Amino acid sequence: CSGLTMGAWQRGGKYLPHYSVAQYDAATPISSGDLQPGDLLFWGSSNNPSSIYHVALYIGGGRMIHAPPTGRPVEEQSMYYWTVPNFYARP
């Protein structure tokens, strides 16, 4: 998942590390109400950013692009299809 977001931002001229927690650390935390296309959505197992285990790219309108587990193609889906992200950031 972090490879997808890293590659997308790299094409836009911005470096992000290849690890979801490190991507959060390298970005500016924002609230869900501040989301703009290109921002990053993160899922963690607690309210501590070190628990982040998934990242996706917000595309607007409550939609995201993400790389699901190995063996499944990159998907565009509702950012709420699974569980609500608990961290948001802008690179």
N, C-alpha and C. Protein backbone atom coordinates (compact mmCIF):
# COMPACT_ATOMS: atom_id res chain seq x y z
N CYS A 1 0.82 -1.20 0.00
CA CYS A 1 0.00 0.00 0.00
C CYS A 1 0.87 1.26 0.00
N SER A 2 1.93 1.26 0.78
CA SER A 2 2.79 2.45 0.84
C SER A 2 3.56 2.66 -0.46
N GLY A 3 3.79 1.58 -1.21
CA GLY A 3 4.44 1.72 -2.51
C GLY A 3 3.58 2.50 -3.49
N LEU A 4 2.27 2.29 -3.43
CA LEU A 4 1.35 3.01 -4.31
C LEU A 4 1.35 4.50 -3.98
N THR A 5 1.21 4.85 -2.71
CA THR A 5 1.18 6.26 -2.34
C THR A 5 2.54 6.92 -2.56
N MET A 6 3.61 6.18 -2.30
CA MET A 6 4.96 6.70 -2.55
C MET A 6 5.13 7.01 -4.04
N GLY A 7 4.73 6.08 -4.90
CA GLY A 7 4.87 6.27 -6.34
C GLY A 7 4.01 7.41 -6.87
N ALA A 8 2.79 7.52 -6.36
CA ALA A 8 1.90 8.61 -6.80
C ALA A 8 2.49 9.96 -6.46
N TRP A 9 2.96 10.11 -5.23
CA TRP A 9 3.53 11.40 -4.83
C TRP A 9 4.88 11.65 -5.51
N GLN A 10 5.63 10.60 -5.78
CA GLN A 10 6.91 10.77 -6.48
C GLN A 10 6.67 11.35 -7.87
N ARG A 11 5.62 10.90 -8.54
CA ARG A 11 5.28 11.45 -9.86
C ARG A 11 4.91 12.92 -9.77
N GLY A 12 4.44 13.33 -8.60
CA GLY A 12 4.12 14.74 -8.37
C GLY A 12 5.29 15.54 -7.85
N GLY A 13 6.47 14.91 -7.73
CA GLY A 13 7.68 15.61 -7.31
C GLY A 13 7.92 15.63 -5.81
N LYS A 14 7.20 14.81 -5.05
CA LYS A 14 7.35 14.80 -3.59
C LYS A 14 7.82 13.42 -3.14
N TYR A 15 8.88 13.39 -2.35
CA TYR A 15 9.40 12.11 -1.84
C TYR A 15 8.63 11.69 -0.60
N LEU A 16 8.22 10.43 -0.56
CA LEU A 16 7.67 9.81 0.64
C LEU A 16 8.42 8.50 0.85
N PRO A 17 8.70 8.14 2.08
CA PRO A 17 9.36 6.86 2.35
C PRO A 17 8.43 5.69 2.00
N HIS A 18 9.01 4.50 1.92
CA HIS A 18 8.25 3.30 1.54
C HIS A 18 7.84 2.51 2.77
N TYR A 19 7.07 3.14 3.65
CA TYR A 19 6.56 2.50 4.86
C TYR A 19 5.45 3.41 5.38
N SER A 20 4.28 2.86 5.67
CA SER A 20 3.13 3.69 6.01
C SER A 20 3.34 4.56 7.24
N VAL A 21 3.94 4.03 8.30
CA VAL A 21 4.18 4.85 9.50
C VAL A 21 5.14 6.00 9.17
N ALA A 22 6.16 5.71 8.39
CA ALA A 22 7.13 6.74 8.01
C ALA A 22 6.47 7.79 7.11
N GLN A 23 5.52 7.39 6.28
CA GLN A 23 4.80 8.36 5.45
C GLN A 23 3.99 9.31 6.32
N TYR A 24 3.34 8.76 7.34
CA TYR A 24 2.59 9.62 8.26
C TYR A 24 3.54 10.59 8.97
N ASP A 25 4.66 10.08 9.42
CA ASP A 25 5.64 10.91 10.11
C ASP A 25 6.21 12.01 9.22
N ALA A 26 6.30 11.75 7.90
CA ALA A 26 6.87 12.71 6.96
C ALA A 26 5.84 13.74 6.48
N ALA A 27 4.57 13.54 6.81
CA ALA A 27 3.50 14.41 6.34
C ALA A 27 2.97 15.27 7.48
N THR A 28 2.06 16.17 7.15
CA THR A 28 1.42 17.04 8.13
C THR A 28 0.05 16.46 8.49
N PRO A 29 -0.16 16.11 9.74
CA PRO A 29 -1.48 15.59 10.13
C PRO A 29 -2.58 16.63 9.88
N ILE A 30 -3.72 16.16 9.42
CA ILE A 30 -4.89 17.00 9.17
C ILE A 30 -6.12 16.29 9.74
N SER A 31 -7.24 16.97 9.76
CA SER A 31 -8.49 16.35 10.19
C SER A 31 -9.23 15.82 8.96
N SER A 32 -10.18 14.96 9.18
CA SER A 32 -10.96 14.41 8.06
C SER A 32 -11.72 15.52 7.34
N GLY A 33 -12.09 16.57 8.04
CA GLY A 33 -12.80 17.68 7.42
C GLY A 33 -11.93 18.53 6.50
N ASP A 34 -10.62 18.37 6.59
CA ASP A 34 -9.69 19.13 5.76
C ASP A 34 -9.21 18.36 4.54
N LEU A 35 -9.71 17.14 4.33
CA LEU A 35 -9.21 16.30 3.23
C LEU A 35 -9.38 16.95 1.87
N GLN A 36 -8.33 16.84 1.06
CA GLN A 36 -8.32 17.28 -0.33
C GLN A 36 -7.75 16.14 -1.16
N PRO A 37 -8.12 16.08 -2.45
CA PRO A 37 -7.54 15.03 -3.30
C PRO A 37 -6.01 15.03 -3.21
N GLY A 38 -5.46 13.83 -3.06
CA GLY A 38 -4.02 13.66 -2.91
C GLY A 38 -3.58 13.43 -1.49
N ASP A 39 -4.42 13.77 -0.52
CA ASP A 39 -4.08 13.54 0.87
C ASP A 39 -4.04 12.05 1.16
N LEU A 40 -3.43 11.70 2.27
CA LEU A 40 -3.26 10.30 2.64
C LEU A 40 -4.21 9.92 3.77
N LEU A 41 -4.78 8.73 3.63
CA LEU A 41 -5.66 8.14 4.64
C LEU A 41 -4.89 7.00 5.28
N PHE A 42 -4.96 6.89 6.59
CA PHE A 42 -4.23 5.85 7.30
C PHE A 42 -5.15 5.08 8.24
N TRP A 43 -4.88 3.80 8.39
CA TRP A 43 -5.58 2.95 9.33
C TRP A 43 -4.56 2.41 10.32
N GLY A 44 -4.90 2.49 11.59
CA GLY A 44 -4.05 1.96 12.64
C GLY A 44 -4.88 1.14 13.60
N SER A 45 -4.22 0.34 14.40
CA SER A 45 -4.93 -0.52 15.34
C SER A 45 -5.18 0.16 16.68
N SER A 46 -4.71 1.41 16.83
CA SER A 46 -4.95 2.18 18.05
C SER A 46 -4.89 3.66 17.69
N ASN A 47 -4.95 4.52 18.70
CA ASN A 47 -4.85 5.96 18.44
C ASN A 47 -3.40 6.44 18.40
N ASN A 48 -2.46 5.51 18.38
CA ASN A 48 -1.04 5.83 18.29
C ASN A 48 -0.60 5.64 16.84
N PRO A 49 -0.01 6.68 16.22
CA PRO A 49 0.42 6.55 14.83
C PRO A 49 1.38 5.38 14.56
N SER A 50 2.09 4.92 15.59
CA SER A 50 2.99 3.79 15.37
C SER A 50 2.23 2.50 15.06
N SER A 51 0.91 2.50 15.26
CA SER A 51 0.09 1.32 14.97
C SER A 51 -0.44 1.29 13.54
N ILE A 52 -0.09 2.29 12.73
CA ILE A 52 -0.59 2.37 11.35
C ILE A 52 -0.15 1.13 10.57
N TYR A 53 -1.10 0.54 9.85
CA TYR A 53 -0.81 -0.66 9.07
C TYR A 53 -1.30 -0.57 7.62
N HIS A 54 -1.99 0.52 7.24
CA HIS A 54 -2.46 0.67 5.85
C HIS A 54 -2.56 2.14 5.51
N VAL A 55 -2.27 2.46 4.24
CA VAL A 55 -2.36 3.84 3.75
C VAL A 55 -3.02 3.81 2.37
N ALA A 56 -3.77 4.87 2.08
CA ALA A 56 -4.44 5.00 0.79
C ALA A 56 -4.39 6.46 0.35
N LEU A 57 -4.71 6.69 -0.89
CA LEU A 57 -4.69 8.03 -1.48
C LEU A 57 -6.12 8.53 -1.64
N TYR A 58 -6.44 9.64 -1.00
CA TYR A 58 -7.77 10.22 -1.10
C TYR A 58 -7.92 10.89 -2.46
N ILE A 59 -9.06 10.66 -3.13
CA ILE A 59 -9.27 11.27 -4.45
C ILE A 59 -10.45 12.22 -4.49
N GLY A 60 -11.11 12.41 -3.35
CA GLY A 60 -12.24 13.33 -3.27
C GLY A 60 -13.57 12.58 -3.22
N GLY A 61 -14.59 13.29 -2.75
CA GLY A 61 -15.92 12.73 -2.71
C GLY A 61 -16.06 11.49 -1.86
N GLY A 62 -15.22 11.35 -0.83
CA GLY A 62 -15.28 10.18 0.02
C GLY A 62 -14.70 8.92 -0.61
N ARG A 63 -13.92 9.09 -1.69
CA ARG A 63 -13.36 7.96 -2.43
C ARG A 63 -11.84 7.92 -2.25
N MET A 64 -11.29 6.74 -2.45
CA MET A 64 -9.84 6.55 -2.31
C MET A 64 -9.36 5.55 -3.36
N ILE A 65 -8.06 5.56 -3.57
CA ILE A 65 -7.37 4.53 -4.34
C ILE A 65 -6.41 3.87 -3.37
N HIS A 66 -6.44 2.52 -3.35
CA HIS A 66 -5.53 1.82 -2.44
C HIS A 66 -5.11 0.49 -3.03
N ALA A 67 -4.03 0.00 -2.50
CA ALA A 67 -3.51 -1.31 -2.88
C ALA A 67 -3.89 -2.28 -1.76
N PRO A 68 -4.88 -3.13 -2.02
CA PRO A 68 -5.28 -4.10 -1.01
C PRO A 68 -4.22 -5.19 -0.83
N PRO A 69 -4.49 -6.18 -0.02
CA PRO A 69 -3.49 -7.23 0.21
C PRO A 69 -2.98 -7.87 -1.08
N THR A 70 -1.81 -8.44 -1.01
CA THR A 70 -1.15 -9.08 -2.14
C THR A 70 -2.12 -10.01 -2.86
N GLY A 71 -2.07 -9.95 -4.18
CA GLY A 71 -2.90 -10.82 -5.00
C GLY A 71 -4.16 -10.15 -5.51
N ARG A 72 -4.47 -8.96 -4.99
CA ARG A 72 -5.64 -8.22 -5.47
C ARG A 72 -5.18 -6.95 -6.15
N PRO A 73 -5.89 -6.51 -7.20
CA PRO A 73 -5.47 -5.31 -7.93
C PRO A 73 -5.74 -4.03 -7.15
N VAL A 74 -5.07 -2.97 -7.55
CA VAL A 74 -5.32 -1.65 -6.99
C VAL A 74 -6.79 -1.32 -7.25
N GLU A 75 -7.43 -0.70 -6.25
CA GLU A 75 -8.86 -0.46 -6.33
C GLU A 75 -9.21 0.99 -6.00
N GLU A 76 -10.29 1.45 -6.62
CA GLU A 76 -10.92 2.70 -6.21
C GLU A 76 -12.17 2.30 -5.44
N GLN A 77 -12.30 2.82 -4.23
CA GLN A 77 -13.43 2.47 -3.37
C GLN A 77 -13.79 3.63 -2.46
N SER A 78 -14.92 3.48 -1.81
CA SER A 78 -15.29 4.42 -0.76
C SER A 78 -14.25 4.30 0.35
N MET A 79 -13.89 5.41 0.94
CA MET A 79 -12.93 5.37 2.05
C MET A 79 -13.55 4.75 3.30
N TYR A 80 -14.86 4.49 3.26
CA TYR A 80 -15.58 3.90 4.39
C TYR A 80 -15.97 2.44 4.15
N TYR A 81 -15.54 1.84 3.04
CA TYR A 81 -16.00 0.50 2.68
C TYR A 81 -15.62 -0.55 3.71
N TRP A 82 -14.59 -0.30 4.45
CA TRP A 82 -14.01 -1.30 5.34
C TRP A 82 -14.15 -0.83 6.77
N THR A 83 -13.36 0.08 7.19
CA THR A 83 -13.46 0.72 8.50
C THR A 83 -12.96 2.15 8.32
N VAL A 84 -13.46 3.04 9.10
CA VAL A 84 -13.11 4.46 8.95
C VAL A 84 -11.63 4.66 9.25
N PRO A 85 -10.91 5.40 8.38
CA PRO A 85 -9.50 5.69 8.68
C PRO A 85 -9.40 6.45 10.01
N ASN A 86 -8.30 6.23 10.72
CA ASN A 86 -8.16 6.96 11.98
C ASN A 86 -7.03 7.98 11.99
N PHE A 87 -6.35 8.15 10.85
CA PHE A 87 -5.34 9.19 10.70
C PHE A 87 -5.44 9.75 9.29
N TYR A 88 -5.12 11.03 9.14
CA TYR A 88 -5.16 11.72 7.86
C TYR A 88 -3.95 12.64 7.80
N ALA A 89 -3.35 12.77 6.63
CA ALA A 89 -2.16 13.64 6.53
C ALA A 89 -2.00 14.17 5.11
N ARG A 90 -1.29 15.28 5.01
CA ARG A 90 -1.00 15.91 3.73
C ARG A 90 0.52 15.97 3.55
N PRO A 91 1.01 15.31 2.52
CA PRO A 91 2.47 15.34 2.26
C PRO A 91 2.97 16.75 1.95
